[in-house]
Amino acid sequence: MFEIASKVARHAWRRQPPSGDEPAWDQLPDVVAPRPGDRLVQREQLEVLSSAIGELTGRQREVFVAIALNDVSIDVLAIRLGSNRNAVYKNLFDARRTLRRRLATAGHPVIDGDAVR
């Protein structure tokens, strides 16, 4: 088995020998660069999200902004709100579900794997 694998590898190198040249970096496709319509789609999604955040309850909005936008830990936020971790998580879950539903209704793909109900 090892003999066959080494022969296959030798034949592959005969067809296209390894090159010691530097790769042509300027000819590689830029997969990180946004496509032409991406900025427009992002702007539309942000408009939908900003209006949807206004529809959240006060507590959901407070929890979502703190955790998702300001990167506050759930445990720290629970202490600050005088609540427990499960209640804060439930508020975050409900807020995310509402936002996903609004995005789906507006025709934007929902990236999260959770089902939108």
PDB file of N, CA and C in Angstrom:
ATOM      1  N   MET A   1       0.824  -1.173   0.000  1.00  0.00           N
ATOM      2  CA  MET A   1       0.000   0.000   0.000  1.00  0.00           C
ATOM      3  C   MET A   1       0.881   1.254   0.000  1.00  0.00           C
ATOM      4  N   PHE A   2       1.950   1.256   0.822  1.00  0.00           N
ATOM      5  CA  PHE A   2       2.830   2.412   0.878  1.00  0.00           C
ATOM      6  C   PHE A   2       3.573   2.598  -0.441  1.00  0.00           C
ATOM      7  N   GLU A   3       3.922   1.468  -1.084  1.00  0.00           N
ATOM      8  CA  GLU A   3       4.626   1.537  -2.365  1.00  0.00           C
ATOM      9  C   GLU A   3       3.738   2.183  -3.425  1.00  0.00           C
ATOM     10  N   ILE A   4       2.478   1.826  -3.464  1.00  0.00           N
ATOM     11  CA  ILE A   4       1.555   2.401  -4.441  1.00  0.00           C
ATOM     12  C   ILE A   4       1.367   3.890  -4.156  1.00  0.00           C
ATOM     13  N   ALA A   5       1.241   4.257  -2.901  1.00  0.00           N
ATOM     14  CA  ALA A   5       1.064   5.665  -2.556  1.00  0.00           C
ATOM     15  C   ALA A   5       2.273   6.485  -2.978  1.00  0.00           C
ATOM     16  N   SER A   6       3.470   5.971  -2.791  1.00  0.00           N
ATOM     17  CA  SER A   6       4.663   6.725  -3.194  1.00  0.00           C
ATOM     18  C   SER A   6       4.769   6.824  -4.708  1.00  0.00           C
ATOM     19  N   LYS A   7       4.379   5.778  -5.440  1.00  0.00           N
ATOM     20  CA  LYS A   7       4.401   5.843  -6.906  1.00  0.00           C
ATOM     21  C   LYS A   7       3.385   6.852  -7.427  1.00  0.00           C
ATOM     22  N   VAL A   8       2.217   6.884  -6.822  1.00  0.00           N
ATOM     23  CA  VAL A   8       1.203   7.861  -7.235  1.00  0.00           C
ATOM     24  C   VAL A   8       1.719   9.276  -6.983  1.00  0.00           C
ATOM     25  N   ALA A   9       2.358   9.479  -5.849  1.00  0.00           N
ATOM     26  CA  ALA A   9       2.891  10.804  -5.538  1.00  0.00           C
ATOM     27  C   ALA A   9       3.979  11.201  -6.525  1.00  0.00           C
ATOM     28  N   ARG A  10       4.851  10.268  -6.911  1.00  0.00           N
ATOM     29  CA  ARG A  10       5.904  10.568  -7.893  1.00  0.00           C
ATOM     30  C   ARG A  10       5.309  10.945  -9.236  1.00  0.00           C
ATOM     31  N   HIS A  11       4.264  10.242  -9.653  1.00  0.00           N
ATOM     32  CA  HIS A  11       3.631  10.550 -10.942  1.00  0.00           C
ATOM     33  C   HIS A  11       2.961  11.926 -10.904  1.00  0.00           C
ATOM     34  N   ALA A  12       2.402  12.295  -9.779  1.00  0.00           N
ATOM     35  CA  ALA A  12       1.771  13.601  -9.663  1.00  0.00           C
ATOM     36  C   ALA A  12       2.814  14.701  -9.809  1.00  0.00           C
ATOM     37  N   TRP A  13       4.006  14.501  -9.236  1.00  0.00           N
ATOM     38  CA  TRP A  13       5.052  15.518  -9.339  1.00  0.00           C
ATOM     39  C   TRP A  13       5.629  15.590 -10.745  1.00  0.00           C
ATOM     40  N   ARG A  14       5.560  14.530 -11.506  1.00  0.00           N
ATOM     41  CA  ARG A  14       6.070  14.554 -12.886  1.00  0.00           C
ATOM     42  C   ARG A  14       5.201  15.436 -13.774  1.00  0.00           C
ATOM     43  N   ARG A  15       3.893  15.367 -13.535  1.00  0.00           N
ATOM     44  CA  ARG A  15       2.990  16.195 -14.342  1.00  0.00           C
ATOM     45  C   ARG A  15       3.145  17.674 -14.031  1.00  0.00           C
ATOM     46  N   GLN A  16       3.266  18.019 -12.782  1.00  0.00           N
ATOM     47  CA  GLN A  16       3.427  19.409 -12.379  1.00  0.00           C
ATOM     48  C   GLN A  16       4.448  19.448 -11.247  1.00  0.00           C
ATOM     49  N   PRO A  17       5.717  19.653 -11.608  1.00  0.00           N
ATOM     50  CA  PRO A  17       6.747  19.654 -10.577  1.00  0.00           C
ATOM     51  C   PRO A  17       6.576  20.838  -9.632  1.00  0.00           C
ATOM     52  N   PRO A  18       7.043  20.665  -8.406  1.00  0.00           N
ATOM     53  CA  PRO A  18       6.921  21.774  -7.461  1.00  0.00           C
ATOM     54  C   PRO A  18       7.766  22.954  -7.922  1.00  0.00           C
ATOM     55  N   SER A  19       7.246  24.124  -7.721  1.00  0.00           N
ATOM     56  CA  SER A  19       7.915  25.329  -8.166  1.00  0.00           C
ATOM     57  C   SER A  19       8.568  26.018  -6.979  1.00  0.00           C
ATOM     58  N   GLY A  20       9.776  26.506  -7.188  1.00  0.00           N
ATOM     59  CA  GLY A  20      10.473  27.259  -6.157  1.00  0.00           C
ATOM     60  C   GLY A  20      10.186  28.742  -6.268  1.00  0.00           C
ATOM     61  N   ASP A  21       9.415  29.136  -7.283  1.00  0.00           N
ATOM     62  CA  ASP A  21       9.108  30.548  -7.488  1.00  0.00           C
ATOM     63  C   ASP A  21       8.111  31.032  -6.449  1.00  0.00           C
ATOM     64  N   GLU A  22       8.164  32.317  -6.212  1.00  0.00           N
ATOM     65  CA  GLU A  22       7.176  32.942  -5.335  1.00  0.00           C
ATOM     66  C   GLU A  22       5.822  32.899  -6.025  1.00  0.00           C
ATOM     67  N   PRO A  23       4.756  32.664  -5.281  1.00  0.00           N
ATOM     68  CA  PRO A  23       3.425  32.677  -5.903  1.00  0.00           C
ATOM     69  C   PRO A  23       3.080  34.091  -6.386  1.00  0.00           C
ATOM     70  N   ALA A  24       2.267  34.157  -7.410  1.00  0.00           N
ATOM     71  CA  ALA A  24       1.833  35.446  -7.940  1.00  0.00           C
ATOM     72  C   ALA A  24       0.680  35.947  -7.078  1.00  0.00           C
ATOM     73  N   TRP A  25       1.012  36.653  -5.997  1.00  0.00           N
ATOM     74  CA  TRP A  25       0.013  37.083  -5.031  1.00  0.00           C
ATOM     75  C   TRP A  25      -1.022  38.005  -5.647  1.00  0.00           C
ATOM     76  N   ASP A  26      -0.599  38.796  -6.611  1.00  0.00           N
ATOM     77  CA  ASP A  26      -1.538  39.745  -7.216  1.00  0.00           C
ATOM     78  C   ASP A  26      -2.559  39.060  -8.108  1.00  0.00           C
ATOM     79  N   GLN A  27      -2.333  37.799  -8.455  1.00  0.00           N
ATOM     80  CA  GLN A  27      -3.268  37.084  -9.311  1.00  0.00           C
ATOM     81  C   GLN A  27      -4.230  36.193  -8.531  1.00  0.00           C
ATOM     82  N   LEU A  28      -4.017  36.073  -7.216  1.00  0.00           N
ATOM     83  CA  LEU A  28      -4.917  35.271  -6.398  1.00  0.00           C
ATOM     84  C   LEU A  28      -6.219  36.024  -6.184  1.00  0.00           C
ATOM     85  N   PRO A  29      -7.342  35.321  -6.184  1.00  0.00           N
ATOM     86  CA  PRO A  29      -8.616  36.020  -5.958  1.00  0.00           C
ATOM     87  C   PRO A  29      -8.723  36.515  -4.531  1.00  0.00           C
ATOM     88  N   ASP A  30      -9.300  37.681  -4.378  1.00  0.00           N
ATOM     89  CA  ASP A  30      -9.495  38.265  -3.056  1.00  0.00           C
ATOM     90  C   ASP A  30     -10.858  37.825  -2.537  1.00  0.00           C
ATOM     91  N   VAL A  31     -10.855  36.799  -1.686  1.00  0.00           N
ATOM     92  CA  VAL A  31     -12.113  36.259  -1.181  1.00  0.00           C
ATOM     93  C   VAL A  31     -12.655  37.057  -0.007  1.00  0.00           C
ATOM     94  N   VAL A  32     -11.841  37.939   0.558  1.00  0.00           N
ATOM     95  CA  VAL A  32     -12.262  38.736   1.699  1.00  0.00           C
ATOM     96  C   VAL A  32     -12.964  40.016   1.246  1.00  0.00           C
ATOM     97  N   ALA A  33     -12.629  40.495   0.061  1.00  0.00           N
ATOM     98  CA  ALA A  33     -13.209  41.749  -0.429  1.00  0.00           C
ATOM     99  C   ALA A  33     -14.714  41.583  -0.646  1.00  0.00           C
ATOM    100  N   PRO A  34     -15.489  42.584  -0.255  1.00  0.00           N
ATOM    101  CA  PRO A  34     -16.941  42.486  -0.443  1.00  0.00           C
ATOM    102  C   PRO A  34     -17.310  42.541  -1.922  1.00  0.00           C
ATOM    103  N   ARG A  35     -18.351  41.827  -2.265  1.00  0.00           N
ATOM    104  CA  ARG A  35     -18.865  41.873  -3.629  1.00  0.00           C
ATOM    105  C   ARG A  35     -19.620  43.175  -3.811  1.00  0.00           C
ATOM    106  N   PRO A  36     -19.889  43.577  -5.041  1.00  0.00           N
ATOM    107  CA  PRO A  36     -20.507  44.887  -5.282  1.00  0.00           C
ATOM    108  C   PRO A  36     -21.814  45.130  -4.532  1.00  0.00           C
ATOM    109  N   GLY A  37     -22.683  44.160  -4.422  1.00  0.00           N
ATOM    110  CA  GLY A  37     -23.969  44.384  -3.791  1.00  0.00           C
ATOM    111  C   GLY A  37     -23.988  44.167  -2.292  1.00  0.00           C
ATOM    112  N   ASP A  38     -22.859  43.720  -1.721  1.00  0.00           N
ATOM    113  CA  ASP A  38     -22.825  43.385  -0.299  1.00  0.00           C
ATOM    114  C   ASP A  38     -23.094  44.590   0.601  1.00  0.00           C
ATOM    115  N   ARG A  39     -22.535  45.739   0.266  1.00  0.00           N
ATOM    116  CA  ARG A  39     -22.731  46.927   1.105  1.00  0.00           C
ATOM    117  C   ARG A  39     -24.200  47.341   1.133  1.00  0.00           C
ATOM    118  N   LEU A  40     -24.866  47.260   0.005  1.00  0.00           N
ATOM    119  CA  LEU A  40     -26.278  47.622  -0.052  1.00  0.00           C
ATOM    120  C   LEU A  40     -27.110  46.671   0.798  1.00  0.00           C
ATOM    121  N   VAL A  41     -26.832  45.382   0.698  1.00  0.00           N
ATOM    122  CA  VAL A  41     -27.552  44.382   1.489  1.00  0.00           C
ATOM    123  C   VAL A  41     -27.309  44.611   2.976  1.00  0.00           C
ATOM    124  N   GLN A  42     -26.062  44.889   3.354  1.00  0.00           N
ATOM    125  CA  GLN A  42     -25.752  45.143   4.762  1.00  0.00           C
ATOM    126  C   GLN A  42     -26.488  46.376   5.269  1.00  0.00           C
ATOM    127  N   ARG A  43     -26.551  47.423   4.455  1.00  0.00           N
ATOM    128  CA  ARG A  43     -27.251  48.634   4.865  1.00  0.00           C
ATOM    129  C   ARG A  43     -28.736  48.361   5.064  1.00  0.00           C
ATOM    130  N   GLU A  44     -29.327  47.572   4.149  1.00  0.00           N
ATOM    131  CA  GLU A  44     -30.748  47.232   4.276  1.00  0.00           C
ATOM    132  C   GLU A  44     -31.000  46.390   5.534  1.00  0.00           C
ATOM    133  N   GLN A  45     -30.104  45.436   5.811  1.00  0.00           N
ATOM    134  CA  GLN A  45     -30.249  44.601   6.996  1.00  0.00           C
ATOM    135  C   GLN A  45     -30.139  45.441   8.270  1.00  0.00           C
ATOM    136  N   LEU A  46     -29.218  46.398   8.280  1.00  0.00           N
ATOM    137  CA  LEU A  46     -29.083  47.260   9.455  1.00  0.00           C
ATOM    138  C   LEU A  46     -30.320  48.116   9.666  1.00  0.00           C
ATOM    139  N   GLU A  47     -30.937  48.575   8.587  1.00  0.00           N
ATOM    140  CA  GLU A  47     -32.168  49.351   8.718  1.00  0.00           C
ATOM    141  C   GLU A  47     -33.285  48.502   9.318  1.00  0.00           C
ATOM    142  N   VAL A  48     -33.409  47.257   8.835  1.00  0.00           N
ATOM    143  CA  VAL A  48     -34.430  46.355   9.373  1.00  0.00           C
ATOM    144  C   VAL A  48     -34.154  46.064  10.848  1.00  0.00           C
ATOM    145  N   LEU A  49     -32.881  45.801  11.183  1.00  0.00           N
ATOM    146  CA  LEU A  49     -32.537  45.502  12.571  1.00  0.00           C
ATOM    147  C   LEU A  49     -32.776  46.692  13.488  1.00  0.00           C
ATOM    148  N   SER A  50     -32.419  47.891  13.031  1.00  0.00           N
ATOM    149  CA  SER A  50     -32.605  49.056  13.905  1.00  0.00           C
ATOM    150  C   SER A  50     -34.082  49.309  14.172  1.00  0.00           C
ATOM    151  N   SER A  51     -34.926  49.095  13.174  1.00  0.00           N
ATOM    152  CA  SER A  51     -36.358  49.271  13.432  1.00  0.00           C
ATOM    153  C   SER A  51     -36.903  48.130  14.286  1.00  0.00           C
ATOM    154  N   ALA A  52     -36.353  46.922  14.126  1.00  0.00           N
ATOM    155  CA  ALA A  52     -36.810  45.775  14.908  1.00  0.00           C
ATOM    156  C   ALA A  52     -36.379  45.898  16.368  1.00  0.00           C
ATOM    157  N   ILE A  53     -35.231  46.489  16.623  1.00  0.00           N
ATOM    158  CA  ILE A  53     -34.786  46.676  18.002  1.00  0.00           C
ATOM    159  C   ILE A  53     -35.755  47.587  18.737  1.00  0.00           C
ATOM    160  N   GLY A  54     -36.351  48.533  18.011  1.00  0.00           N
ATOM    161  CA  GLY A  54     -37.348  49.412  18.617  1.00  0.00           C
ATOM    162  C   GLY A  54     -38.615  48.684  19.027  1.00  0.00           C
ATOM    163  N   GLU A  55     -38.878  47.524  18.446  1.00  0.00           N
ATOM    164  CA  GLU A  55     -40.070  46.739  18.770  1.00  0.00           C
ATOM    165  C   GLU A  55     -39.878  45.832  19.988  1.00  0.00           C
ATOM    166  N   LEU A  56     -38.640  45.664  20.432  1.00  0.00           N
ATOM    167  CA  LEU A  56     -38.383  44.800  21.575  1.00  0.00           C
ATOM    168  C   LEU A  56     -38.917  45.454  22.845  1.00  0.00           C
ATOM    169  N   THR A  57     -39.193  44.621  23.834  1.00  0.00           N
ATOM    170  CA  THR A  57     -39.579  45.179  25.135  1.00  0.00           C
ATOM    171  C   THR A  57     -38.368  45.898  25.723  1.00  0.00           C
ATOM    172  N   GLY A  58     -38.605  46.721  26.720  1.00  0.00           N
ATOM    173  CA  GLY A  58     -37.506  47.469  27.326  1.00  0.00           C
ATOM    174  C   GLY A  58     -36.417  46.576  27.876  1.00  0.00           C
ATOM    175  N   ARG A  59     -36.805  45.492  28.564  1.00  0.00           N
ATOM    176  CA  ARG A  59     -35.829  44.571  29.148  1.00  0.00           C
ATOM    177  C   ARG A  59     -35.083  43.815  28.049  1.00  0.00           C
ATOM    178  N   GLN A  60     -35.812  43.370  27.001  1.00  0.00           N
ATOM    179  CA  GLN A  60     -35.152  42.669  25.902  1.00  0.00           C
ATOM    180  C   GLN A  60     -34.138  43.577  25.218  1.00  0.00           C
ATOM    181  N   ARG A  61     -34.514  44.825  24.992  1.00  0.00           N
ATOM    182  CA  ARG A  61     -33.617  45.775  24.348  1.00  0.00           C
ATOM    183  C   ARG A  61     -32.377  45.997  25.211  1.00  0.00           C
ATOM    184  N   GLU A  62     -32.590  46.178  26.517  1.00  0.00           N
ATOM    185  CA  GLU A  62     -31.472  46.405  27.432  1.00  0.00           C
ATOM    186  C   GLU A  62     -30.515  45.214  27.434  1.00  0.00           C
ATOM    187  N   VAL A  63     -31.069  44.006  27.491  1.00  0.00           N
ATOM    188  CA  VAL A  63     -30.248  42.795  27.508  1.00  0.00           C
ATOM    189  C   VAL A  63     -29.534  42.609  26.173  1.00  0.00           C
ATOM    190  N   PHE A  64     -30.248  42.781  25.063  1.00  0.00           N
ATOM    191  CA  PHE A  64     -29.643  42.585  23.746  1.00  0.00           C
ATOM    192  C   PHE A  64     -28.513  43.574  23.503  1.00  0.00           C
ATOM    193  N   VAL A  65     -28.741  44.830  23.789  1.00  0.00           N
ATOM    194  CA  VAL A  65     -27.707  45.854  23.565  1.00  0.00           C
ATOM    195  C   VAL A  65     -26.493  45.577  24.440  1.00  0.00           C
ATOM    196  N   ALA A  66     -26.722  45.219  25.694  1.00  0.00           N
ATOM    197  CA  ALA A  66     -25.601  44.963  26.601  1.00  0.00           C
ATOM    198  C   ALA A  66     -24.775  43.757  26.156  1.00  0.00           C
ATOM    199  N   ILE A  67     -25.445  42.667  25.824  1.00  0.00           N
ATOM    200  CA  ILE A  67     -24.713  41.429  25.521  1.00  0.00           C
ATOM    201  C   ILE A  67     -24.210  41.400  24.083  1.00  0.00           C
ATOM    202  N   ALA A  68     -25.089  41.654  23.126  1.00  0.00           N
ATOM    203  CA  ALA A  68     -24.711  41.502  21.723  1.00  0.00           C
ATOM    204  C   ALA A  68     -23.881  42.668  21.207  1.00  0.00           C
ATOM    205  N   LEU A  69     -24.188  43.877  21.627  1.00  0.00           N
ATOM    206  CA  LEU A  69     -23.492  45.032  21.076  1.00  0.00           C
ATOM    207  C   LEU A  69     -22.338  45.516  21.953  1.00  0.00           C
ATOM    208  N   ASN A  70     -22.522  45.469  23.271  1.00  0.00           N
ATOM    209  CA  ASN A  70     -21.491  45.986  24.169  1.00  0.00           C
ATOM    210  C   ASN A  70     -20.631  44.902  24.792  1.00  0.00           C
ATOM    211  N   ASP A  71     -20.890  43.641  24.446  1.00  0.00           N
ATOM    212  CA  ASP A  71     -20.070  42.496  24.860  1.00  0.00           C
ATOM    213  C   ASP A  71     -19.971  42.347  26.382  1.00  0.00           C
ATOM    214  N   VAL A  72     -21.090  42.554  27.070  1.00  0.00           N
ATOM    215  CA  VAL A  72     -21.151  42.355  28.520  1.00  0.00           C
ATOM    216  C   VAL A  72     -21.469  40.880  28.772  1.00  0.00           C
ATOM    217  N   SER A  73     -20.839  40.301  29.747  1.00  0.00           N
ATOM    218  CA  SER A  73     -21.083  38.904  30.095  1.00  0.00           C
ATOM    219  C   SER A  73     -22.497  38.738  30.652  1.00  0.00           C
ATOM    220  N   ILE A  74     -23.108  37.589  30.380  1.00  0.00           N
ATOM    221  CA  ILE A  74     -24.452  37.313  30.889  1.00  0.00           C
ATOM    222  C   ILE A  74     -24.457  37.337  32.412  1.00  0.00           C
ATOM    223  N   ASP A  75     -23.420  36.763  33.022  1.00  0.00           N
ATOM    224  CA  ASP A  75     -23.358  36.721  34.480  1.00  0.00           C
ATOM    225  C   ASP A  75     -23.232  38.115  35.083  1.00  0.00           C
ATOM    226  N   VAL A  76     -22.416  38.957  34.468  1.00  0.00           N
ATOM    227  CA  VAL A  76     -22.245  40.325  34.963  1.00  0.00           C
ATOM    228  C   VAL A  76     -23.550  41.098  34.818  1.00  0.00           C
ATOM    229  N   LEU A  77     -24.219  40.921  33.674  1.00  0.00           N
ATOM    230  CA  LEU A  77     -25.480  41.623  33.443  1.00  0.00           C
ATOM    231  C   LEU A  77     -26.555  41.150  34.411  1.00  0.00           C
ATOM    232  N   ALA A  78     -26.576  39.860  34.715  1.00  0.00           N
ATOM    233  CA  ALA A  78     -27.559  39.331  35.659  1.00  0.00           C
ATOM    234  C   ALA A  78     -27.380  39.967  37.031  1.00  0.00           C
ATOM    235  N   ILE A  79     -26.147  40.121  37.468  1.00  0.00           N
ATOM    236  CA  ILE A  79     -25.885  40.763  38.755  1.00  0.00           C
ATOM    237  C   ILE A  79     -26.303  42.225  38.710  1.00  0.00           C
ATOM    238  N   ARG A  80     -25.960  42.904  37.630  1.00  0.00           N
ATOM    239  CA  ARG A  80     -26.283  44.319  37.492  1.00  0.00           C
ATOM    240  C   ARG A  80     -27.794  44.553  37.475  1.00  0.00           C
ATOM    241  N   LEU A  81     -28.544  43.622  36.869  1.00  0.00           N
ATOM    242  CA  LEU A  81     -29.996  43.775  36.777  1.00  0.00           C
ATOM    243  C   LEU A  81     -30.723  43.200  37.990  1.00  0.00           C
ATOM    244  N   GLY A  82     -29.985  42.560  38.873  1.00  0.00           N
ATOM    245  CA  GLY A  82     -30.621  41.940  40.036  1.00  0.00           C
ATOM    246  C   GLY A  82     -31.467  40.752  39.640  1.00  0.00           C
ATOM    247  N   SER A  83     -31.009  40.020  38.642  1.00  0.00           N
ATOM    248  CA  SER A  83     -31.753  38.876  38.110  1.00  0.00           C
ATOM    249  C   SER A  83     -30.853  37.657  38.166  1.00  0.00           C
ATOM    250  N   ASN A  84     -31.264  36.595  37.476  1.00  0.00           N
ATOM    251  CA  ASN A  84     -30.392  35.422  37.395  1.00  0.00           C
ATOM    252  C   ASN A  84     -30.025  35.164  35.936  1.00  0.00           C
ATOM    253  N   ARG A  85     -29.065  34.288  35.757  1.00  0.00           N
ATOM    254  CA  ARG A  85     -28.526  34.010  34.416  1.00  0.00           C
ATOM    255  C   ARG A  85     -29.605  33.484  33.470  1.00  0.00           C
ATOM    256  N   ASN A  86     -30.461  32.601  33.949  1.00  0.00           N
ATOM    257  CA  ASN A  86     -31.491  31.999  33.101  1.00  0.00           C
ATOM    258  C   ASN A  86     -32.492  33.038  32.602  1.00  0.00           C
ATOM    259  N   ALA A  87     -32.884  33.945  33.459  1.00  0.00           N
ATOM    260  CA  ALA A  87     -33.840  34.978  33.049  1.00  0.00           C
ATOM    261  C   ALA A  87     -33.227  35.911  32.012  1.00  0.00           C
ATOM    262  N   VAL A  88     -31.957  36.262  32.194  1.00  0.00           N
ATOM    263  CA  VAL A  88     -31.278  37.124  31.226  1.00  0.00           C
ATOM    264  C   VAL A  88     -31.149  36.394  29.894  1.00  0.00           C
ATOM    265  N   TYR A  89     -30.776  35.107  29.940  1.00  0.00           N
ATOM    266  CA  TYR A  89     -30.652  34.329  28.712  1.00  0.00           C
ATOM    267  C   TYR A  89     -31.994  34.224  27.991  1.00  0.00           C
ATOM    268  N   LYS A  90     -33.074  34.046  28.726  1.00  0.00           N
ATOM    269  CA  LYS A  90     -34.400  33.954  28.120  1.00  0.00           C
ATOM    270  C   LYS A  90     -34.760  35.270  27.427  1.00  0.00           C
ATOM    271  N   ASN A  91     -34.442  36.406  28.040  1.00  0.00           N
ATOM    272  CA  ASN A  91     -34.682  37.699  27.397  1.00  0.00           C
ATOM    273  C   ASN A  91     -33.864  37.832  26.120  1.00  0.00           C
ATOM    274  N   LEU A  92     -32.611  37.401  26.162  1.00  0.00           N
ATOM    275  CA  LEU A  92     -31.755  37.452  24.976  1.00  0.00           C
ATOM    276  C   LEU A  92     -32.295  36.538  23.887  1.00  0.00           C
ATOM    277  N   PHE A  93     -32.722  35.347  24.274  1.00  0.00           N
ATOM    278  CA  PHE A  93     -33.274  34.386  23.315  1.00  0.00           C
ATOM    279  C   PHE A  93     -34.510  34.961  22.615  1.00  0.00           C
ATOM    280  N   ASP A  94     -35.418  35.547  23.390  1.00  0.00           N
ATOM    281  CA  ASP A  94     -36.630  36.128  22.813  1.00  0.00           C
ATOM    282  C   ASP A  94     -36.303  37.307  21.899  1.00  0.00           C
ATOM    283  N   ALA A  95     -35.333  38.119  22.283  1.00  0.00           N
ATOM    284  CA  ALA A  95     -34.940  39.259  21.454  1.00  0.00           C
ATOM    285  C   ALA A  95     -34.350  38.771  20.127  1.00  0.00           C
ATOM    286  N   ARG A  96     -33.482  37.792  20.188  1.00  0.00           N
ATOM    287  CA  ARG A  96     -32.880  37.261  18.954  1.00  0.00           C
ATOM    288  C   ARG A  96     -33.931  36.629  18.054  1.00  0.00           C
ATOM    289  N   ARG A  97     -34.894  35.926  18.652  1.00  0.00           N
ATOM    290  CA  ARG A  97     -35.956  35.311  17.862  1.00  0.00           C
ATOM    291  C   ARG A  97     -36.776  36.384  17.139  1.00  0.00           C
ATOM    292  N   THR A  98     -37.085  37.465  17.834  1.00  0.00           N
ATOM    293  CA  THR A  98     -37.838  38.562  17.213  1.00  0.00           C
ATOM    294  C   THR A  98     -37.039  39.186  16.077  1.00  0.00           C
ATOM    295  N   LEU A  99     -35.753  39.410  16.284  1.00  0.00           N
ATOM    296  CA  LEU A  99     -34.922  40.018  15.250  1.00  0.00           C
ATOM    297  C   LEU A  99     -34.766  39.099  14.039  1.00  0.00           C
ATOM    298  N   ARG A 100     -34.589  37.798  14.282  1.00  0.00           N
ATOM    299  CA  ARG A 100     -34.498  36.849  13.166  1.00  0.00           C
ATOM    300  C   ARG A 100     -35.796  36.823  12.372  1.00  0.00           C
ATOM    301  N   ARG A 101     -36.912  36.859  13.082  1.00  0.00           N
ATOM    302  CA  ARG A 101     -38.214  36.841  12.412  1.00  0.00           C
ATOM    303  C   ARG A 101     -38.376  38.073  11.529  1.00  0.00           C
ATOM    304  N   ARG A 102     -37.988  39.225  12.033  1.00  0.00           N
ATOM    305  CA  ARG A 102     -38.093  40.454  11.244  1.00  0.00           C
ATOM    306  C   ARG A 102     -37.188  40.419  10.018  1.00  0.00           C
ATOM    307  N   LEU A 103     -35.976  39.896  10.177  1.00  0.00           N
ATOM    308  CA  LEU A 103     -35.076  39.770   9.031  1.00  0.00           C
ATOM    309  C   LEU A 103     -35.651  38.830   7.989  1.00  0.00           C
ATOM    310  N   ALA A 104     -36.177  37.706   8.421  1.00  0.00           N
ATOM    311  CA  ALA A 104     -36.763  36.741   7.481  1.00  0.00           C
ATOM    312  C   ALA A 104     -37.975  37.333   6.782  1.00  0.00           C
ATOM    313  N   THR A 105     -38.790  38.079   7.507  1.00  0.00           N
ATOM    314  CA  THR A 105     -39.970  38.705   6.915  1.00  0.00           C
ATOM    315  C   THR A 105     -39.570  39.734   5.866  1.00  0.00           C
ATOM    316  N   ALA A 106     -38.462  40.426   6.111  1.00  0.00           N
ATOM    317  CA  ALA A 106     -37.988  41.444   5.168  1.00  0.00           C
ATOM    318  C   ALA A 106     -37.261  40.825   3.970  1.00  0.00           C
ATOM    319  N   GLY A 107     -37.097  39.497   3.970  1.00  0.00           N
ATOM    320  CA  GLY A 107     -36.484  38.830   2.822  1.00  0.00           C
ATOM    321  C   GLY A 107     -34.988  38.643   2.921  1.00  0.00           C
ATOM    322  N   HIS A 108     -34.428  38.841   4.101  1.00  0.00           N
ATOM    323  CA  HIS A 108     -32.992  38.644   4.289  1.00  0.00           C
ATOM    324  C   HIS A 108     -32.761  37.250   4.842  1.00  0.00           C
ATOM    325  N   PRO A 109     -31.712  36.575   4.364  1.00  0.00           N
ATOM    326  CA  PRO A 109     -31.459  35.214   4.847  1.00  0.00           C
ATOM    327  C   PRO A 109     -31.103  35.217   6.325  1.00  0.00           C
ATOM    328  N   VAL A 110     -31.642  34.244   7.018  1.00  0.00           N
ATOM    329  CA  VAL A 110     -31.353  34.104   8.445  1.00  0.00           C
ATOM    330  C   VAL A 110     -30.144  33.203   8.568  1.00  0.00           C
ATOM    331  N   ILE A 111     -29.065  33.711   9.114  1.00  0.00           N
ATOM    332  CA  ILE A 111     -27.801  32.972   9.189  1.00  0.00           C
ATOM    333  C   ILE A 111     -27.834  31.947  10.299  1.00  0.00           C
ATOM    334  N   ASP A 112     -28.504  32.265  11.378  1.00  0.00           N
ATOM    335  CA  ASP A 112     -28.550  31.385  12.536  1.00  0.00           C
ATOM    336  C   ASP A 112     -29.283  30.096  12.164  1.00  0.00           C
ATOM    337  N   GLY A 113     -28.876  28.981  12.731  1.00  0.00           N
ATOM    338  CA  GLY A 113     -29.486  27.696  12.411  1.00  0.00           C
ATOM    339  C   GLY A 113     -30.805  27.450  13.092  1.00  0.00           C
ATOM    340  N   ASP A 114     -31.206  28.309  14.022  1.00  0.00           N
ATOM    341  CA  ASP A 114     -32.466  28.093  14.734  1.00  0.00           C
ATOM    342  C   ASP A 114     -33.641  28.308  13.790  1.00  0.00           C
ATOM    343  N   ALA A 115     -34.696  27.592  14.038  1.00  0.00           N
ATOM    344  CA  ALA A 115     -35.899  27.741  13.222  1.00  0.00           C
ATOM    345  C   ALA A 115     -36.606  29.037  13.617  1.00  0.00           C
ATOM    346  N   VAL A 116     -37.094  29.739  12.611  1.00  0.00           N
ATOM    347  CA  VAL A 116     -37.843  30.958  12.866  1.00  0.00           C
ATOM    348  C   VAL A 116     -39.315  30.607  12.915  1.00  0.00           C
ATOM    349  N   ARG A 117     -39.948  30.951  14.040  1.00  0.00           N
ATOM    350  CA  ARG A 117     -41.365  30.613  14.203  1.00  0.00           C
ATOM    351  C   ARG A 117     -42.178  31.864  14.283  1.00  0.00           C
TER     352      ARG A 117
END
